[in-house]
Amino acid sequence: MSAAIITRKAAAGRGCAAVLFGLYTVMVARLTLAPASSESAIFGLLDLIMAQLSGGRLQWSQTEVLANVALFVPAGFLLAIVLGRSWASVVLCIVFAAGIELAQQRYLPSRVPSVADVEHNALGAIIGAAVAWPINRVLTR
């Protein structure tokens, strides 16, 4: 394949990832910046599913940690593809996660913001960016 075709395919892939990242960001904002009462059904369902999958071995606190990690895996992955730099994706995801927690603290008294949530979100972003790293190497050749 010629370099021009690869470049066009890379640009198309990055554009698609940008659209998906935008949509995913809206979903994350809706989930994390809504009053706690509006999402209790979602968390209840998640807790039930995880309890069933683990045979009752997972407590809600463990499910919450896994959910916080999993929430930012797609964000880290998609942003790394869009930017072409995994490290920048991780940094921006951490800033986004910290912004979510600050907004919860300031504007959503029913939410419980924590530094641990930012740490778990950062781990998810690192995982997503790590998965994107070899794809970016192919796209930038």
N, C-alpha and C. Protein backbone atom coordinates (compact mmCIF):
# COMPACT_ATOMS: atom_id res chain seq x y z
N MET A 1 0.83 -1.19 0.00
CA MET A 1 0.00 0.00 0.00
C MET A 1 0.87 1.25 0.00
N SER A 2 0.39 2.27 -0.65
CA SER A 2 1.16 3.50 -0.68
C SER A 2 0.99 4.27 0.63
N ALA A 3 1.92 5.16 0.88
CA ALA A 3 1.89 5.96 2.11
C ALA A 3 0.65 6.84 2.17
N ALA A 4 0.19 7.32 1.02
CA ALA A 4 -0.99 8.20 0.99
C ALA A 4 -2.24 7.44 1.43
N ILE A 5 -2.37 6.19 1.01
CA ILE A 5 -3.53 5.38 1.40
C ILE A 5 -3.49 5.11 2.89
N ILE A 6 -2.32 4.77 3.41
CA ILE A 6 -2.19 4.52 4.85
C ILE A 6 -2.50 5.77 5.64
N THR A 7 -2.03 6.92 5.17
CA THR A 7 -2.28 8.19 5.85
C THR A 7 -3.78 8.51 5.86
N ARG A 8 -4.47 8.27 4.74
CA ARG A 8 -5.91 8.51 4.70
C ARG A 8 -6.65 7.57 5.63
N LYS A 9 -6.23 6.32 5.67
CA LYS A 9 -6.87 5.35 6.56
C LYS A 9 -6.62 5.73 8.02
N ALA A 10 -5.41 6.18 8.33
CA ALA A 10 -5.10 6.61 9.70
C ALA A 10 -5.95 7.81 10.09
N ALA A 11 -6.09 8.76 9.18
CA ALA A 11 -6.91 9.94 9.45
C ALA A 11 -8.37 9.56 9.66
N ALA A 12 -8.86 8.63 8.85
CA ALA A 12 -10.24 8.18 9.01
C ALA A 12 -10.42 7.46 10.34
N GLY A 13 -9.45 6.65 10.71
CA GLY A 13 -9.51 5.95 12.00
C GLY A 13 -9.49 6.92 13.16
N ARG A 14 -8.64 7.92 13.08
CA ARG A 14 -8.57 8.93 14.15
C ARG A 14 -9.86 9.74 14.21
N GLY A 15 -10.44 10.05 13.05
CA GLY A 15 -11.71 10.79 13.01
C GLY A 15 -12.84 9.98 13.63
N CYS A 16 -12.89 8.71 13.31
CA CYS A 16 -13.91 7.83 13.89
C CYS A 16 -13.72 7.74 15.40
N ALA A 17 -12.47 7.61 15.83
CA ALA A 17 -12.18 7.55 17.27
C ALA A 17 -12.58 8.85 17.96
N ALA A 18 -12.40 9.98 17.27
CA ALA A 18 -12.77 11.28 17.85
C ALA A 18 -14.28 11.36 18.08
N VAL A 19 -15.06 10.90 17.10
CA VAL A 19 -16.51 10.91 17.25
C VAL A 19 -16.93 9.99 18.40
N LEU A 20 -16.37 8.79 18.44
CA LEU A 20 -16.68 7.85 19.52
C LEU A 20 -16.27 8.41 20.88
N PHE A 21 -15.11 9.07 20.93
CA PHE A 21 -14.66 9.68 22.18
C PHE A 21 -15.63 10.76 22.63
N GLY A 22 -16.10 11.58 21.70
CA GLY A 22 -17.07 12.62 22.05
C GLY A 22 -18.35 12.03 22.62
N LEU A 23 -18.86 11.01 21.97
CA LEU A 23 -20.07 10.35 22.46
C LEU A 23 -19.84 9.70 23.82
N TYR A 24 -18.68 9.07 23.97
CA TYR A 24 -18.37 8.41 25.24
C TYR A 24 -18.22 9.43 26.36
N THR A 25 -17.64 10.59 26.05
CA THR A 25 -17.48 11.64 27.05
C THR A 25 -18.84 12.13 27.55
N VAL A 26 -19.79 12.26 26.64
CA VAL A 26 -21.15 12.67 27.04
C VAL A 26 -21.75 11.63 27.98
N MET A 27 -21.57 10.35 27.66
CA MET A 27 -22.10 9.29 28.51
C MET A 27 -21.44 9.30 29.89
N VAL A 28 -20.12 9.49 29.93
CA VAL A 28 -19.42 9.53 31.22
C VAL A 28 -19.87 10.74 32.03
N ALA A 29 -20.01 11.88 31.38
CA ALA A 29 -20.47 13.08 32.08
C ALA A 29 -21.87 12.87 32.64
N ARG A 30 -22.73 12.27 31.85
CA ARG A 30 -24.10 12.00 32.32
C ARG A 30 -24.11 11.06 33.52
N LEU A 31 -23.27 10.05 33.45
CA LEU A 31 -23.22 9.07 34.53
C LEU A 31 -22.61 9.63 35.80
N THR A 32 -21.56 10.42 35.66
CA THR A 32 -20.81 10.87 36.84
C THR A 32 -21.26 12.22 37.39
N LEU A 33 -21.97 13.01 36.59
CA LEU A 33 -22.36 14.34 37.05
C LEU A 33 -23.86 14.47 37.29
N ALA A 34 -24.51 13.35 37.46
CA ALA A 34 -25.93 13.35 37.82
C ALA A 34 -26.04 13.12 39.32
N PRO A 35 -27.11 13.60 39.92
CA PRO A 35 -27.30 13.31 41.35
C PRO A 35 -27.31 11.81 41.60
N ALA A 36 -26.81 11.40 42.74
CA ALA A 36 -26.67 9.97 43.05
C ALA A 36 -27.99 9.22 42.94
N SER A 37 -29.09 9.85 43.28
CA SER A 37 -30.38 9.17 43.24
C SER A 37 -30.80 8.79 41.83
N SER A 38 -30.35 9.56 40.83
CA SER A 38 -30.78 9.29 39.45
C SER A 38 -30.10 8.07 38.86
N GLU A 39 -29.01 7.62 39.45
CA GLU A 39 -28.31 6.47 38.89
C GLU A 39 -28.34 5.26 39.81
N SER A 40 -29.09 5.30 40.86
CA SER A 40 -29.11 4.18 41.81
C SER A 40 -29.54 2.89 41.13
N ALA A 41 -30.42 2.95 40.15
CA ALA A 41 -30.84 1.74 39.45
C ALA A 41 -29.69 1.15 38.64
N ILE A 42 -28.89 2.01 38.02
CA ILE A 42 -27.74 1.54 37.25
C ILE A 42 -26.74 0.84 38.17
N PHE A 43 -26.43 1.49 39.29
CA PHE A 43 -25.46 0.90 40.21
C PHE A 43 -26.01 -0.36 40.87
N GLY A 44 -27.30 -0.37 41.16
CA GLY A 44 -27.92 -1.57 41.72
C GLY A 44 -27.81 -2.75 40.77
N LEU A 45 -28.08 -2.49 39.48
CA LEU A 45 -27.96 -3.54 38.47
C LEU A 45 -26.52 -4.01 38.33
N LEU A 46 -25.59 -3.07 38.32
CA LEU A 46 -24.17 -3.41 38.22
C LEU A 46 -23.75 -4.27 39.41
N ASP A 47 -24.16 -3.90 40.60
CA ASP A 47 -23.83 -4.66 41.79
C ASP A 47 -24.41 -6.08 41.71
N LEU A 48 -25.64 -6.19 41.25
CA LEU A 48 -26.27 -7.50 41.11
C LEU A 48 -25.53 -8.37 40.10
N ILE A 49 -25.18 -7.80 38.96
CA ILE A 49 -24.46 -8.55 37.92
C ILE A 49 -23.10 -9.02 38.44
N MET A 50 -22.36 -8.12 39.07
CA MET A 50 -21.04 -8.49 39.57
C MET A 50 -21.12 -9.52 40.69
N ALA A 51 -22.12 -9.43 41.53
CA ALA A 51 -22.31 -10.42 42.59
C ALA A 51 -22.60 -11.79 41.98
N GLN A 52 -23.41 -11.82 40.94
CA GLN A 52 -23.73 -13.08 40.27
C GLN A 52 -22.49 -13.65 39.58
N LEU A 53 -21.75 -12.81 38.87
CA LEU A 53 -20.56 -13.28 38.15
C LEU A 53 -19.47 -13.77 39.10
N SER A 54 -19.40 -13.17 40.27
CA SER A 54 -18.35 -13.55 41.22
C SER A 54 -18.81 -14.61 42.21
N GLY A 55 -20.03 -15.07 42.07
CA GLY A 55 -20.54 -16.04 43.03
C GLY A 55 -20.73 -15.44 44.41
N GLY A 56 -20.99 -14.14 44.46
CA GLY A 56 -21.20 -13.45 45.73
C GLY A 56 -19.93 -13.05 46.45
N ARG A 57 -18.79 -13.21 45.81
CA ARG A 57 -17.51 -12.89 46.46
C ARG A 57 -17.14 -11.41 46.41
N LEU A 58 -17.76 -10.66 45.51
CA LEU A 58 -17.43 -9.23 45.40
C LEU A 58 -18.41 -8.40 46.22
N GLN A 59 -17.86 -7.52 47.01
CA GLN A 59 -18.67 -6.55 47.76
C GLN A 59 -18.84 -5.32 46.89
N TRP A 60 -19.78 -4.43 47.27
CA TRP A 60 -20.02 -3.23 46.48
C TRP A 60 -18.76 -2.38 46.35
N SER A 61 -17.96 -2.27 47.39
CA SER A 61 -16.76 -1.43 47.31
C SER A 61 -15.79 -1.96 46.25
N GLN A 62 -15.70 -3.27 46.10
CA GLN A 62 -14.83 -3.85 45.08
C GLN A 62 -15.43 -3.64 43.69
N THR A 63 -16.74 -3.77 43.58
CA THR A 63 -17.41 -3.53 42.30
C THR A 63 -17.22 -2.08 41.87
N GLU A 64 -17.30 -1.17 42.83
CA GLU A 64 -17.12 0.25 42.52
C GLU A 64 -15.71 0.53 41.99
N VAL A 65 -14.72 -0.09 42.59
CA VAL A 65 -13.34 0.08 42.12
C VAL A 65 -13.22 -0.42 40.68
N LEU A 66 -13.73 -1.62 40.43
CA LEU A 66 -13.66 -2.18 39.07
C LEU A 66 -14.41 -1.31 38.07
N ALA A 67 -15.56 -0.78 38.49
CA ALA A 67 -16.34 0.08 37.61
C ALA A 67 -15.58 1.37 37.29
N ASN A 68 -14.91 1.94 38.28
CA ASN A 68 -14.14 3.17 38.06
C ASN A 68 -12.97 2.92 37.12
N VAL A 69 -12.33 1.77 37.25
CA VAL A 69 -11.25 1.43 36.32
C VAL A 69 -11.83 1.23 34.92
N ALA A 70 -12.86 0.41 34.82
CA ALA A 70 -13.44 0.09 33.51
C ALA A 70 -14.01 1.32 32.81
N LEU A 71 -14.51 2.28 33.56
CA LEU A 71 -15.11 3.47 32.98
C LEU A 71 -14.13 4.26 32.12
N PHE A 72 -12.85 4.24 32.49
CA PHE A 72 -11.87 5.06 31.77
C PHE A 72 -11.01 4.28 30.79
N VAL A 73 -11.19 2.97 30.69
CA VAL A 73 -10.44 2.20 29.67
C VAL A 73 -10.80 2.68 28.27
N PRO A 74 -12.08 2.77 27.91
CA PRO A 74 -12.40 3.27 26.57
C PRO A 74 -11.95 4.71 26.34
N ALA A 75 -12.05 5.54 27.36
CA ALA A 75 -11.62 6.94 27.22
C ALA A 75 -10.12 7.01 26.93
N GLY A 76 -9.32 6.27 27.70
CA GLY A 76 -7.88 6.25 27.47
C GLY A 76 -7.52 5.72 26.10
N PHE A 77 -8.22 4.67 25.68
CA PHE A 77 -7.97 4.07 24.37
C PHE A 77 -8.33 5.03 23.24
N LEU A 78 -9.56 5.54 23.25
CA LEU A 78 -10.01 6.40 22.16
C LEU A 78 -9.22 7.70 22.08
N LEU A 79 -8.94 8.30 23.23
CA LEU A 79 -8.18 9.55 23.22
C LEU A 79 -6.75 9.31 22.74
N ALA A 80 -6.17 8.17 23.09
CA ALA A 80 -4.82 7.85 22.61
C ALA A 80 -4.81 7.71 21.09
N ILE A 81 -5.85 7.11 20.53
CA ILE A 81 -5.94 6.99 19.07
C ILE A 81 -6.10 8.37 18.43
N VAL A 82 -6.96 9.19 19.01
CA VAL A 82 -7.20 10.53 18.46
C VAL A 82 -5.92 11.36 18.49
N LEU A 83 -5.24 11.36 19.63
CA LEU A 83 -4.05 12.20 19.80
C LEU A 83 -2.80 11.60 19.18
N GLY A 84 -2.79 10.27 19.08
CA GLY A 84 -1.59 9.60 18.59
C GLY A 84 -0.50 9.51 19.63
N ARG A 85 -0.83 9.85 20.86
CA ARG A 85 0.15 9.81 21.96
C ARG A 85 -0.53 9.25 23.20
N SER A 86 -0.08 8.09 23.61
CA SER A 86 -0.71 7.44 24.77
C SER A 86 -0.51 8.22 26.05
N TRP A 87 0.68 8.77 26.25
CA TRP A 87 0.96 9.48 27.50
C TRP A 87 0.06 10.71 27.64
N ALA A 88 -0.18 11.40 26.53
CA ALA A 88 -1.04 12.59 26.58
C ALA A 88 -2.47 12.20 26.90
N SER A 89 -2.88 11.06 26.39
CA SER A 89 -4.22 10.54 26.68
C SER A 89 -4.39 10.31 28.18
N VAL A 90 -3.39 9.69 28.79
CA VAL A 90 -3.46 9.41 30.23
C VAL A 90 -3.52 10.71 31.02
N VAL A 91 -2.69 11.66 30.68
CA VAL A 91 -2.68 12.94 31.40
C VAL A 91 -4.04 13.64 31.29
N LEU A 92 -4.59 13.69 30.09
CA LEU A 92 -5.89 14.35 29.90
C LEU A 92 -7.02 13.60 30.61
N CYS A 93 -6.95 12.29 30.62
CA CYS A 93 -7.98 11.51 31.33
C CYS A 93 -7.90 11.76 32.84
N ILE A 94 -6.69 11.90 33.37
CA ILE A 94 -6.54 12.19 34.80
C ILE A 94 -7.12 13.57 35.11
N VAL A 95 -6.85 14.54 34.25
CA VAL A 95 -7.41 15.88 34.43
C VAL A 95 -8.93 15.84 34.38
N PHE A 96 -9.47 15.08 33.42
CA PHE A 96 -10.92 14.92 33.29
C PHE A 96 -11.50 14.27 34.54
N ALA A 97 -10.86 13.21 35.03
CA ALA A 97 -11.34 12.52 36.23
C ALA A 97 -11.30 13.44 37.45
N ALA A 98 -10.23 14.20 37.59
CA ALA A 98 -10.13 15.14 38.71
C ALA A 98 -11.21 16.21 38.60
N GLY A 99 -11.48 16.67 37.37
CA GLY A 99 -12.55 17.64 37.16
C GLY A 99 -13.91 17.10 37.55
N ILE A 100 -14.15 15.84 37.25
CA ILE A 100 -15.41 15.20 37.64
C ILE A 100 -15.55 15.20 39.16
N GLU A 101 -14.50 14.79 39.84
CA GLU A 101 -14.55 14.72 41.30
C GLU A 101 -14.72 16.11 41.91
N LEU A 102 -14.05 17.12 41.35
CA LEU A 102 -14.21 18.48 41.86
C LEU A 102 -15.63 18.99 41.64
N ALA A 103 -16.19 18.69 40.47
CA ALA A 103 -17.57 19.10 40.19
C ALA A 103 -18.54 18.40 41.13
N GLN A 104 -18.30 17.13 41.41
CA GLN A 104 -19.15 16.42 42.36
C GLN A 104 -19.08 17.05 43.74
N GLN A 105 -17.87 17.39 44.16
CA GLN A 105 -17.68 18.00 45.49
C GLN A 105 -18.37 19.35 45.58
N ARG A 106 -18.24 20.13 44.54
CA ARG A 106 -18.76 21.50 44.59
C ARG A 106 -20.26 21.61 44.32
N TYR A 107 -20.76 20.81 43.36
CA TYR A 107 -22.13 21.02 42.90
C TYR A 107 -23.11 19.88 43.19
N LEU A 108 -22.60 18.74 43.61
CA LEU A 108 -23.48 17.58 43.80
C LEU A 108 -23.31 17.01 45.21
N PRO A 109 -24.00 17.59 46.19
CA PRO A 109 -23.83 17.15 47.56
C PRO A 109 -24.24 15.69 47.81
N SER A 110 -25.04 15.11 46.91
CA SER A 110 -25.44 13.71 47.09
C SER A 110 -24.36 12.74 46.63
N ARG A 111 -23.33 13.24 45.95
CA ARG A 111 -22.23 12.39 45.47
C ARG A 111 -21.10 12.40 46.49
N VAL A 112 -20.27 11.36 46.44
CA VAL A 112 -19.12 11.24 47.36
C VAL A 112 -17.84 11.24 46.52
N PRO A 113 -17.25 12.42 46.31
CA PRO A 113 -16.02 12.48 45.53
C PRO A 113 -14.84 11.93 46.33
N SER A 114 -13.86 11.37 45.62
CA SER A 114 -12.68 10.87 46.32
C SER A 114 -11.47 10.84 45.40
N VAL A 115 -10.31 10.97 46.01
CA VAL A 115 -9.05 10.85 45.28
C VAL A 115 -8.89 9.43 44.75
N ALA A 116 -9.39 8.45 45.49
CA ALA A 116 -9.30 7.06 45.05
C ALA A 116 -10.01 6.86 43.71
N ASP A 117 -11.13 7.55 43.50
CA ASP A 117 -11.81 7.44 42.21
C ASP A 117 -10.92 7.93 41.08
N VAL A 118 -10.21 9.03 41.31
CA VAL A 118 -9.29 9.56 40.29
C VAL A 118 -8.18 8.54 40.03
N GLU A 119 -7.65 7.94 41.08
CA GLU A 119 -6.60 6.93 40.92
C GLU A 119 -7.10 5.74 40.11
N HIS A 120 -8.32 5.28 40.40
CA HIS A 120 -8.87 4.13 39.68
C HIS A 120 -9.18 4.50 38.23
N ASN A 121 -9.69 5.71 38.01
CA ASN A 121 -9.92 6.18 36.64
C ASN A 121 -8.59 6.27 35.88
N ALA A 122 -7.54 6.74 36.55
CA ALA A 122 -6.22 6.83 35.92
C ALA A 122 -5.71 5.45 35.51
N LEU A 123 -5.93 4.46 36.36
CA LEU A 123 -5.52 3.09 36.01
C LEU A 123 -6.25 2.63 34.75
N GLY A 124 -7.55 2.91 34.67
CA GLY A 124 -8.31 2.57 33.47
C GLY A 124 -7.77 3.27 32.24
N ALA A 125 -7.43 4.55 32.38
CA ALA A 125 -6.88 5.30 31.25
C ALA A 125 -5.53 4.72 30.81
N ILE A 126 -4.71 4.31 31.77
CA ILE A 126 -3.41 3.70 31.45
C ILE A 126 -3.62 2.40 30.67
N ILE A 127 -4.57 1.60 31.13
CA ILE A 127 -4.86 0.33 30.42
C ILE A 127 -5.33 0.62 29.00
N GLY A 128 -6.26 1.55 28.84
CA GLY A 128 -6.76 1.88 27.51
C GLY A 128 -5.67 2.42 26.61
N ALA A 129 -4.84 3.31 27.14
CA ALA A 129 -3.75 3.89 26.35
C ALA A 129 -2.71 2.83 25.98
N ALA A 130 -2.47 1.89 26.89
CA ALA A 130 -1.51 0.80 26.61
C ALA A 130 -2.01 -0.09 25.47
N VAL A 131 -3.31 -0.32 25.44
CA VAL A 131 -3.89 -1.12 24.36
C VAL A 131 -3.78 -0.35 23.04
N ALA A 132 -3.92 0.96 23.09
CA ALA A 132 -3.86 1.78 21.87
C ALA A 132 -2.43 1.97 21.37
N TRP A 133 -1.45 1.80 22.22
CA TRP A 133 -0.06 2.10 21.85
C TRP A 133 0.40 1.36 20.59
N PRO A 134 0.21 0.03 20.49
CA PRO A 134 0.67 -0.63 19.24
C PRO A 134 -0.13 -0.21 18.02
N ILE A 135 -1.39 0.15 18.21
CA ILE A 135 -2.19 0.63 17.07
C ILE A 135 -1.64 1.96 16.59
N ASN A 136 -1.29 2.83 17.53
CA ASN A 136 -0.70 4.12 17.15
C ASN A 136 0.62 3.95 16.42
N ARG A 137 1.39 2.96 16.81
CA ARG A 137 2.68 2.72 16.13
C ARG A 137 2.42 2.36 14.66
N VAL A 138 1.39 1.58 14.40
CA VAL A 138 1.04 1.22 13.03
C VAL A 138 0.51 2.44 12.28
N LEU A 139 -0.34 3.24 12.94
CA LEU A 139 -0.93 4.40 12.29
C LEU A 139 0.09 5.49 11.95
N THR A 140 1.17 5.56 12.71
CA THR A 140 2.15 6.64 12.49
C THR A 140 3.30 6.22 11.58
N ARG A 141 3.28 5.01 11.08
CA ARG A 141 4.35 4.58 10.16
C ARG A 141 4.18 5.17 8.81
